[in-house]
């Protein structure tokens, strides 16, 4: 089933090159990228696949209708690496 032109444009607008994402799940890929792996969007192609360079060295085109992922901000990544203090 083909993705609608409007949906493709949505992904191109909301996930421009340089956007950081975190993979939540992959479909039936025989060699999946592990859930929780972070990566950087390189481009969104004309069929709606997000081409991502993952931090573990893998590069992959992910299909938004099959693979689960979410956008992360640089601030979230920095805060996630800071030591947490409690009292």
Protein backbone atom coordinates (compact mmCIF):
# COMPACT_ATOMS: atom_id res chain seq x y z
CA UNK A 1 0.00 0.00 0.00
CA UNK A 2 1.48 3.33 -1.07
CA UNK A 3 1.76 6.26 1.32
CA UNK A 4 -0.28 9.34 0.38
CA UNK A 5 1.52 12.40 -1.00
CA UNK A 6 0.32 14.41 2.01
CA UNK A 7 1.77 11.90 4.44
CA UNK A 8 5.11 11.89 2.59
CA UNK A 9 5.21 15.69 2.75
CA UNK A 10 4.42 15.51 6.48
CA UNK A 11 7.49 13.31 7.07
CA UNK A 12 9.69 15.51 4.88
CA UNK A 13 8.59 18.59 6.85
CA UNK A 14 8.80 17.08 10.34
CA UNK A 15 11.95 14.98 9.87
CA UNK A 16 14.41 17.10 7.85
CA UNK A 17 18.05 16.07 7.47
CA UNK A 18 19.80 16.28 10.84
CA UNK A 19 16.74 15.34 12.91
CA UNK A 20 17.59 12.96 15.74
CA UNK A 21 15.33 9.94 16.26
CA UNK A 22 15.17 6.94 18.56
CA UNK A 23 14.01 3.60 17.16
CA UNK A 24 11.24 2.02 19.22
CA UNK A 25 10.64 -1.13 17.17
CA UNK A 26 11.22 -2.70 13.77
CA UNK A 27 8.85 -4.84 11.73
CA UNK A 28 9.85 -8.27 10.46
CA UNK A 29 13.40 -7.28 9.53
CA UNK A 30 15.70 -10.33 9.55
CA UNK A 31 18.54 -8.21 10.99
CA UNK A 32 16.80 -5.47 12.99
CA UNK A 33 18.40 -2.42 14.54
CA UNK A 34 17.90 -2.83 18.31
CA UNK A 35 15.09 -0.86 19.95
CA UNK A 36 16.43 2.23 21.71
CA UNK A 37 19.11 2.88 19.09
CA UNK A 38 19.45 6.56 18.23
CA UNK A 39 20.25 7.95 14.81
CA UNK A 40 20.24 10.96 12.52
CA UNK A 41 17.90 11.40 9.55
CA UNK A 42 19.80 11.85 6.28
CA UNK A 43 16.77 12.34 4.04
CA UNK A 44 13.14 11.37 3.49
CA UNK A 45 12.71 9.90 0.02
CA UNK A 46 9.78 10.24 -2.39
CA UNK A 47 8.05 7.10 -1.09
CA UNK A 48 8.21 8.27 2.55
CA UNK A 49 11.12 6.19 3.87
CA UNK A 50 13.37 7.93 6.39
CA UNK A 51 17.01 7.17 5.63
CA UNK A 52 18.85 7.13 8.94
CA UNK A 53 22.47 6.81 10.00
CA UNK A 54 22.29 5.10 13.37
CA UNK A 55 24.82 5.72 16.13
CA UNK A 56 25.80 2.03 16.06
CA UNK A 57 27.15 2.41 12.50
CA UNK A 58 24.15 1.01 10.63
CA UNK A 59 22.41 2.95 7.87
CA UNK A 60 18.87 2.02 7.01
CA UNK A 61 15.73 3.29 5.33
CA UNK A 62 12.89 2.92 7.83
CA UNK A 63 9.23 2.91 6.90
CA UNK A 64 7.10 4.99 9.27
CA UNK A 65 4.10 2.71 8.72
CA UNK A 66 6.06 -0.40 9.75
CA UNK A 67 8.78 0.75 12.14
CA UNK A 68 8.17 2.59 15.41
CA UNK A 69 10.34 5.61 16.22
CA UNK A 70 10.14 9.02 17.82
CA UNK A 71 11.89 12.33 17.44
CA UNK A 72 14.35 13.31 20.14
CA UNK A 73 15.82 16.72 20.79
CA UNK A 74 19.47 17.52 21.46
CA UNK A 75 18.42 18.91 24.83
CA UNK A 76 16.80 15.58 25.77
CA UNK A 77 19.97 13.71 24.80
CA UNK A 78 22.18 16.04 26.85
CA UNK A 79 19.88 15.89 29.87
CA UNK A 80 19.71 12.10 29.58
CA UNK A 81 23.48 11.87 30.04
CA UNK A 82 23.73 14.20 33.04
CA UNK A 83 24.03 12.64 36.48
CA UNK A 84 20.78 12.73 38.39
CA UNK A 85 20.83 14.14 41.89
CA UNK A 86 18.35 13.24 44.58
CA UNK A 87 17.91 14.28 48.17
